[in-house]
C-alpha atoms as a PDB file:
ATOM      1  CA  UNK A   1      19.254-116.509 107.684  1.00  0.00           C
ATOM      2  CA  UNK A   2      16.403-118.541 108.351  1.00  0.00           C
ATOM      3  CA  UNK A   3      13.137-117.171 107.225  1.00  0.00           C
ATOM      4  CA  UNK A   4      10.904-115.610 109.974  1.00  0.00           C
ATOM      5  CA  UNK A   5       8.441-117.504 111.684  1.00  0.00           C
ATOM      6  CA  UNK A   6       4.915-115.896 110.828  1.00  0.00           C
ATOM      7  CA  UNK A   7       2.634-114.951 113.906  1.00  0.00           C
ATOM      8  CA  UNK A   8      -0.996-114.423 112.896  1.00  0.00           C
ATOM      9  CA  UNK A   9      -2.027-111.814 115.613  1.00  0.00           C
ATOM     10  CA  UNK A  10      -5.538-111.557 116.664  1.00  0.00           C
ATOM     11  CA  UNK A  11      -7.031-109.205 119.224  1.00  0.00           C
ATOM     12  CA  UNK A  12      -8.150-112.098 121.443  1.00  0.00           C
ATOM     13  CA  UNK A  13     -11.162-112.744 123.757  1.00  0.00           C
ATOM     14  CA  UNK A  14     -12.180-114.760 126.717  1.00  0.00           C
ATOM     15  CA  UNK A  15     -15.022-116.068 124.327  1.00  0.00           C
ATOM     16  CA  UNK A  16     -13.892-119.346 122.969  1.00  0.00           C
ATOM     17  CA  UNK A  17     -16.300-118.951 119.838  1.00  0.00           C
ATOM     18  CA  UNK A  18     -14.698-115.370 118.969  1.00  0.00           C
ATOM     19  CA  UNK A  19     -11.171-117.355 119.116  1.00  0.00           C
ATOM     20  CA  UNK A  20     -12.371-120.315 116.976  1.00  0.00           C
ATOM     21  CA  UNK A  21     -13.576-117.897 114.221  1.00  0.00           C
ATOM     22  CA  UNK A  22      -9.906-116.502 114.064  1.00  0.00           C
ATOM     23  CA  UNK A  23      -8.399-120.070 114.204  1.00  0.00           C
ATOM     24  CA  UNK A  24     -10.698-121.249 111.206  1.00  0.00           C
ATOM     25  CA  UNK A  25      -9.660-118.039 109.180  1.00  0.00           C
ATOM     26  CA  UNK A  26      -5.871-118.707 110.024  1.00  0.00           C
ATOM     27  CA  UNK A  27      -5.984-122.551 108.916  1.00  0.00           C
ATOM     28  CA  UNK A  28      -5.397-122.031 105.066  1.00  0.00           C
ATOM     29  CA  UNK A  29      -2.235-120.126 106.248  1.00  0.00           C
ATOM     30  CA  UNK A  30      -1.239-122.366 109.183  1.00  0.00           C
ATOM     31  CA  UNK A  31      -1.352-125.326 106.348  1.00  0.00           C
ATOM     32  CA  UNK A  32       0.721-123.632 103.901  1.00  0.00           C
ATOM     33  CA  UNK A  33       3.181-121.893 105.686  1.00  0.00           C
ATOM     34  CA  UNK A  34       5.650-123.901 108.006  1.00  0.00           C
ATOM     35  CA  UNK A  35       5.923-123.079 111.518  1.00  0.00           C
ATOM     36  CA  UNK A  36       3.109-120.061 111.113  1.00  0.00           C
ATOM     37  CA  UNK A  37       0.874-119.792 114.661  1.00  0.00           C
ATOM     38  CA  UNK A  38      -1.833-117.863 115.877  1.00  0.00           C
ATOM     39  CA  UNK A  39      -1.248-115.630 118.777  1.00  0.00           C
ATOM     40  CA  UNK A  40      -3.455-113.459 120.655  1.00  0.00           C
ATOM     41  CA  UNK A  41      -2.625-109.837 121.921  1.00  0.00           C
ATOM     42  CA  UNK A  42      -4.819-110.380 124.886  1.00  0.00           C
ATOM     43  CA  UNK A  43      -7.401-112.257 126.796  1.00  0.00           C
ATOM     44  CA  UNK A  44      -6.580-115.665 125.310  1.00  0.00           C
ATOM     45  CA  UNK A  45      -3.915-118.080 124.843  1.00  0.00           C
ATOM     46  CA  UNK A  46      -1.416-118.512 123.182  1.00  0.00           C
ATOM     47  CA  UNK A  47       0.031-115.176 123.758  1.00  0.00           C
ATOM     48  CA  UNK A  48       2.464-113.486 121.714  1.00  0.00           C
ATOM     49  CA  UNK A  49       4.975-114.170 124.694  1.00  0.00           C
ATOM     50  CA  UNK A  50       4.117-118.005 124.599  1.00  0.00           C
ATOM     51  CA  UNK A  51       4.773-118.350 120.585  1.00  0.00           C
ATOM     52  CA  UNK A  52       7.787-116.154 120.692  1.00  0.00           C
ATOM     53  CA  UNK A  53       9.280-118.349 123.656  1.00  0.00           C
ATOM     54  CA  UNK A  54       8.462-121.733 122.198  1.00  0.00           C
ATOM     55  CA  UNK A  55       9.759-120.535 118.623  1.00  0.00           C
ATOM     56  CA  UNK A  56      13.033-119.228 120.479  1.00  0.00           C
ATOM     57  CA  UNK A  57      13.218-122.681 122.252  1.00  0.00           C
ATOM     58  CA  UNK A  58      13.005-124.275 118.747  1.00  0.00           C
ATOM     59  CA  UNK A  59      16.140-122.423 117.505  1.00  0.00           C
ATOM     60  CA  UNK A  60      14.134-119.405 115.540  1.00  0.00           C
ATOM     61  CA  UNK A  61      15.531-116.088 115.958  1.00  0.00           C
ATOM     62  CA  UNK A  62      13.068-113.939 113.502  1.00  0.00           C
ATOM     63  CA  UNK A  63       9.539-113.237 113.714  1.00  0.00           C
ATOM     64  CA  UNK A  64       7.071-111.217 111.515  1.00  0.00           C
ATOM     65  CA  UNK A  65       3.592-110.685 113.135  1.00  0.00           C
ATOM     66  CA  UNK A  66       1.128-110.283 110.696  1.00  0.00           C
ATOM     67  CA  UNK A  67      -1.912-108.708 112.565  1.00  0.00           C
ATOM     68  CA  UNK A  68      -5.615-109.674 111.646  1.00  0.00           C
ATOM     69  CA  UNK A  69      -6.673-106.414 112.447  1.00  0.00           C
ATOM     70  CA  UNK A  70      -8.818-104.451 109.830  1.00  0.00           C
ATOM     71  CA  UNK A  71      -7.050-101.142 110.696  1.00  0.00           C
ATOM     72  CA  UNK A  72      -4.014 -99.684 112.622  1.00  0.00           C
ATOM     73  CA  UNK A  73      -5.624 -98.342 115.747  1.00  0.00           C
ATOM     74  CA  UNK A  74      -4.020 -97.536 119.091  1.00  0.00           C
ATOM     75  CA  UNK A  75      -3.228-101.363 119.817  1.00  0.00           C
ATOM     76  CA  UNK A  76      -1.071-101.649 116.510  1.00  0.00           C
ATOM     77  CA  UNK A  77       0.345 -98.192 116.898  1.00  0.00           C
ATOM     78  CA  UNK A  78       1.389 -98.060 120.413  1.00  0.00           C
ATOM     79  CA  UNK A  79       0.487-101.428 122.682  1.00  0.00           C
ATOM     80  CA  UNK A  80       1.771-104.238 120.011  1.00  0.00           C
ATOM     81  CA  UNK A  81       4.912-102.291 119.310  1.00  0.00           C
ATOM     82  CA  UNK A  82       5.713-101.952 123.189  1.00  0.00           C
ATOM     83  CA  UNK A  83       5.089-105.744 123.694  1.00  0.00           C
ATOM     84  CA  UNK A  84       7.380-106.498 120.345  1.00  0.00           C
ATOM     85  CA  UNK A  85      10.025-104.318 122.274  1.00  0.00           C
ATOM     86  CA  UNK A  86       9.543-106.093 125.409  1.00  0.00           C
ATOM     87  CA  UNK A  87       9.801-109.179 123.584  1.00  0.00           C
ATOM     88  CA  UNK A  88      12.745-108.419 121.710  1.00  0.00           C
ATOM     89  CA  UNK A  89      14.652-107.779 124.895  1.00  0.00           C
ATOM     90  CA  UNK A  90      13.631-110.571 126.969  1.00  0.00           C
ATOM     91  CA  UNK A  91      14.208-113.435 124.094  1.00  0.00           C
ATOM     92  CA  UNK A  92      17.085-111.754 122.217  1.00  0.00           C
ATOM     93  CA  UNK A  93      15.214-111.894 119.088  1.00  0.00           C
ATOM     94  CA  UNK A  94      14.198-109.806 116.179  1.00  0.00           C
ATOM     95  CA  UNK A  95      10.380-109.227 115.550  1.00  0.00           C
ATOM     96  CA  UNK A  96       8.833-107.152 112.716  1.00  0.00           C
ATOM     97  CA  UNK A  97       5.488-105.981 112.509  1.00  0.00           C
ATOM     98  CA  UNK A  98       3.615-106.086 109.029  1.00  0.00           C
ATOM     99  CA  UNK A  99       0.780-103.794 108.446  1.00  0.00           C
ATOM    100  CA  UNK A 100      -2.725-105.011 109.309  1.00  0.00           C
ATOM    101  CA  UNK A 101      -4.472-107.155 106.779  1.00  0.00           C
ATOM    102  CA  UNK A 102      -6.915-104.649 106.191  1.00  0.00           C
ATOM    103  CA  UNK A 103      -4.531-102.576 104.540  1.00  0.00           C
ATOM    104  CA  UNK A 104      -3.873-104.998 101.913  1.00  0.00           C
ATOM    105  CA  UNK A 105      -6.117-104.538  98.865  1.00  0.00           C
ATOM    106  CA  UNK A 106      -6.499-108.730  98.528  1.00  0.00           C
ATOM    107  CA  UNK A 107      -8.785-107.986 101.582  1.00  0.00           C
ATOM    108  CA  UNK A 108     -11.030-105.843  99.939  1.00  0.00           C
ATOM    109  CA  UNK A 109     -11.468-108.225  96.785  1.00  0.00           C
ATOM    110  CA  UNK A 110     -12.103-111.161  99.251  1.00  0.00           C
ATOM    111  CA  UNK A 111     -14.694-108.887 100.756  1.00  0.00           C
ATOM    112  CA  UNK A 112     -16.232-108.160  97.363  1.00  0.00           C
ATOM    113  CA  UNK A 113     -15.982-111.960  96.634  1.00  0.00           C
ATOM    114  CA  UNK A 114     -18.271-112.705  99.795  1.00  0.00           C
ATOM    115  CA  UNK A 115     -20.692-110.104  99.054  1.00  0.00           C
ATOM    116  CA  UNK A 116     -21.106-111.473  95.392  1.00  0.00           C
ATOM    117  CA  UNK A 117     -21.626-114.916  96.900  1.00  0.00           C
ATOM    118  CA  UNK A 118     -24.116-113.727  99.207  1.00  0.00           C
ATOM    119  CA  UNK A 119     -25.818-111.963  96.590  1.00  0.00           C
ATOM    120  CA  UNK A 120     -25.737-115.156  94.278  1.00  0.00           C
ATOM    121  CA  UNK A 121     -27.497-116.997  97.389  1.00  0.00           C
ATOM    122  CA  UNK A 122     -30.102-114.430  98.029  1.00  0.00           C
ATOM    123  CA  UNK A 123     -33.637-114.942  96.692  1.00  0.00           C
ATOM    124  CA  UNK A 124     -34.497-112.036  94.221  1.00  0.00           C
END
Protein backbone atom coordinates (compact mmCIF):
# COMPACT_ATOMS: atom_id res chain seq x y z
CA UNK A 1 0.00 0.00 0.00
CA UNK A 2 1.21 3.50 -0.82
CA UNK A 3 1.80 5.78 2.14
CA UNK A 4 -1.12 8.11 2.69
CA UNK A 5 -1.16 11.62 1.33
CA UNK A 6 -1.00 14.15 4.14
CA UNK A 7 -3.52 16.98 4.19
CA UNK A 8 -2.91 19.79 6.68
CA UNK A 9 -6.43 21.00 7.39
CA UNK A 10 -7.05 24.55 8.54
CA UNK A 11 -10.44 26.10 9.23
CA UNK A 12 -10.30 28.63 6.42
CA UNK A 13 -11.08 32.32 6.16
CA UNK A 14 -12.07 34.79 3.49
CA UNK A 15 -9.12 36.91 4.74
CA UNK A 16 -6.13 36.10 2.55
CA UNK A 17 -3.70 37.19 5.31
CA UNK A 18 -5.18 34.53 7.62
CA UNK A 19 -4.62 31.84 4.97
CA UNK A 20 -1.07 33.05 4.33
CA UNK A 21 -0.24 32.55 8.03
CA UNK A 22 -1.27 28.88 7.81
CA UNK A 23 0.56 28.40 4.53
CA UNK A 24 3.75 29.73 6.17
CA UNK A 25 3.25 27.41 9.16
CA UNK A 26 2.76 24.49 6.78
CA UNK A 27 5.78 25.26 4.61
CA UNK A 28 8.34 23.11 6.54
CA UNK A 29 5.99 20.13 6.29
CA UNK A 30 5.23 20.77 2.62
CA UNK A 31 8.98 20.86 1.94
CA UNK A 32 9.65 17.66 3.92
CA UNK A 33 6.66 15.43 3.15
CA UNK A 34 6.11 14.43 -0.45
CA UNK A 35 2.64 15.29 -1.79
CA UNK A 36 1.57 17.02 1.44
CA UNK A 37 -0.98 19.77 0.88
CA UNK A 38 -2.85 22.43 2.81
CA UNK A 39 -6.64 22.36 2.59
CA UNK A 40 -9.34 24.48 4.15
CA UNK A 41 -12.55 23.28 5.77
CA UNK A 42 -14.48 26.30 4.51
CA UNK A 43 -14.23 29.86 3.16
CA UNK A 44 -10.98 29.33 1.21
CA UNK A 45 -9.40 27.20 -1.49
CA UNK A 46 -8.15 24.60 -1.88
CA UNK A 47 -10.95 22.78 -0.11
CA UNK A 48 -10.68 19.20 1.15
CA UNK A 49 -12.78 18.21 -1.86
CA UNK A 50 -10.34 19.88 -4.27
CA UNK A 51 -7.26 18.28 -2.68
CA UNK A 52 -8.84 14.79 -2.48
CA UNK A 53 -10.11 15.00 -6.06
CA UNK A 54 -6.67 16.03 -7.34
CA UNK A 55 -4.96 13.30 -5.28
CA UNK A 56 -7.29 10.58 -6.57
CA UNK A 57 -6.72 11.81 -10.14
CA UNK A 58 -2.97 11.36 -9.49
CA UNK A 59 -3.53 7.79 -8.27
CA UNK A 60 -3.68 8.30 -4.49
CA UNK A 61 -6.14 6.12 -2.59
CA UNK A 62 -5.34 6.88 1.08
CA UNK A 63 -5.28 10.25 2.80
CA UNK A 64 -4.53 11.35 6.36
CA UNK A 65 -5.93 14.66 7.49
CA UNK A 66 -3.89 16.41 10.18
CA UNK A 67 -6.06 19.20 11.61
CA UNK A 68 -4.22 22.44 12.34
CA UNK A 69 -6.64 23.02 15.22
CA UNK A 70 -5.72 23.45 18.87
CA UNK A 71 -8.60 21.30 20.14
CA UNK A 72 -11.38 19.08 18.85
CA UNK A 73 -14.53 21.19 18.92
CA UNK A 74 -17.75 20.75 16.96
CA UNK A 75 -15.97 21.04 13.61
CA UNK A 76 -13.64 18.11 14.31
CA UNK A 77 -16.22 15.99 16.13
CA UNK A 78 -19.10 16.42 13.67
CA UNK A 79 -18.51 18.57 10.59
CA UNK A 80 -15.19 17.17 9.38
CA UNK A 81 -16.12 13.48 9.95
CA UNK A 82 -19.32 14.07 7.95
CA UNK A 83 -17.31 15.71 5.17
CA UNK A 84 -14.83 12.80 5.21
CA UNK A 85 -17.64 10.25 4.96
CA UNK A 86 -19.05 12.06 1.93
CA UNK A 87 -15.62 12.40 0.29
CA UNK A 88 -14.86 8.68 0.82
CA UNK A 89 -18.11 7.77 -0.95
CA UNK A 90 -17.66 10.32 -3.75
CA UNK A 91 -14.06 9.40 -4.56
CA UNK A 92 -13.97 5.76 -3.38
CA UNK A 93 -11.00 6.47 -1.16
CA UNK A 94 -9.88 5.98 2.45
CA UNK A 95 -9.43 9.06 4.65
CA UNK A 96 -8.12 8.96 8.22
CA UNK A 97 -8.62 11.90 10.58
CA UNK A 98 -5.67 12.41 12.93
CA UNK A 99 -6.05 14.19 16.28
CA UNK A 100 -5.71 17.98 16.18
CA UNK A 101 -2.15 19.24 16.55
CA UNK A 102 -3.08 20.90 19.84
CA UNK A 103 -3.38 17.46 21.45
CA UNK A 104 0.25 16.66 20.65
CA UNK A 105 2.68 17.50 23.50
CA UNK A 106 5.23 18.69 20.93
CA UNK A 107 3.06 21.72 20.27
CA UNK A 108 3.16 22.63 23.96
CA UNK A 109 6.95 22.49 23.81
CA UNK A 110 6.98 24.68 20.70
CA UNK A 111 4.77 27.25 22.45
CA UNK A 112 7.18 27.22 25.41
CA UNK A 113 10.10 27.82 23.01
CA UNK A 114 8.28 30.78 21.43
CA UNK A 115 7.55 32.26 24.88
CA UNK A 116 11.18 31.79 25.99
CA UNK A 117 12.39 33.51 22.80
CA UNK A 118 9.98 36.37 23.41
CA UNK A 119 11.28 36.75 26.98
CA UNK A 120 14.86 36.88 25.68
CA UNK A 121 13.91 39.63 23.23
CA UNK A 122 11.95 41.71 25.74
CA UNK A 123 14.04 44.39 27.44
CA UNK A 124 14.20 44.01 31.23
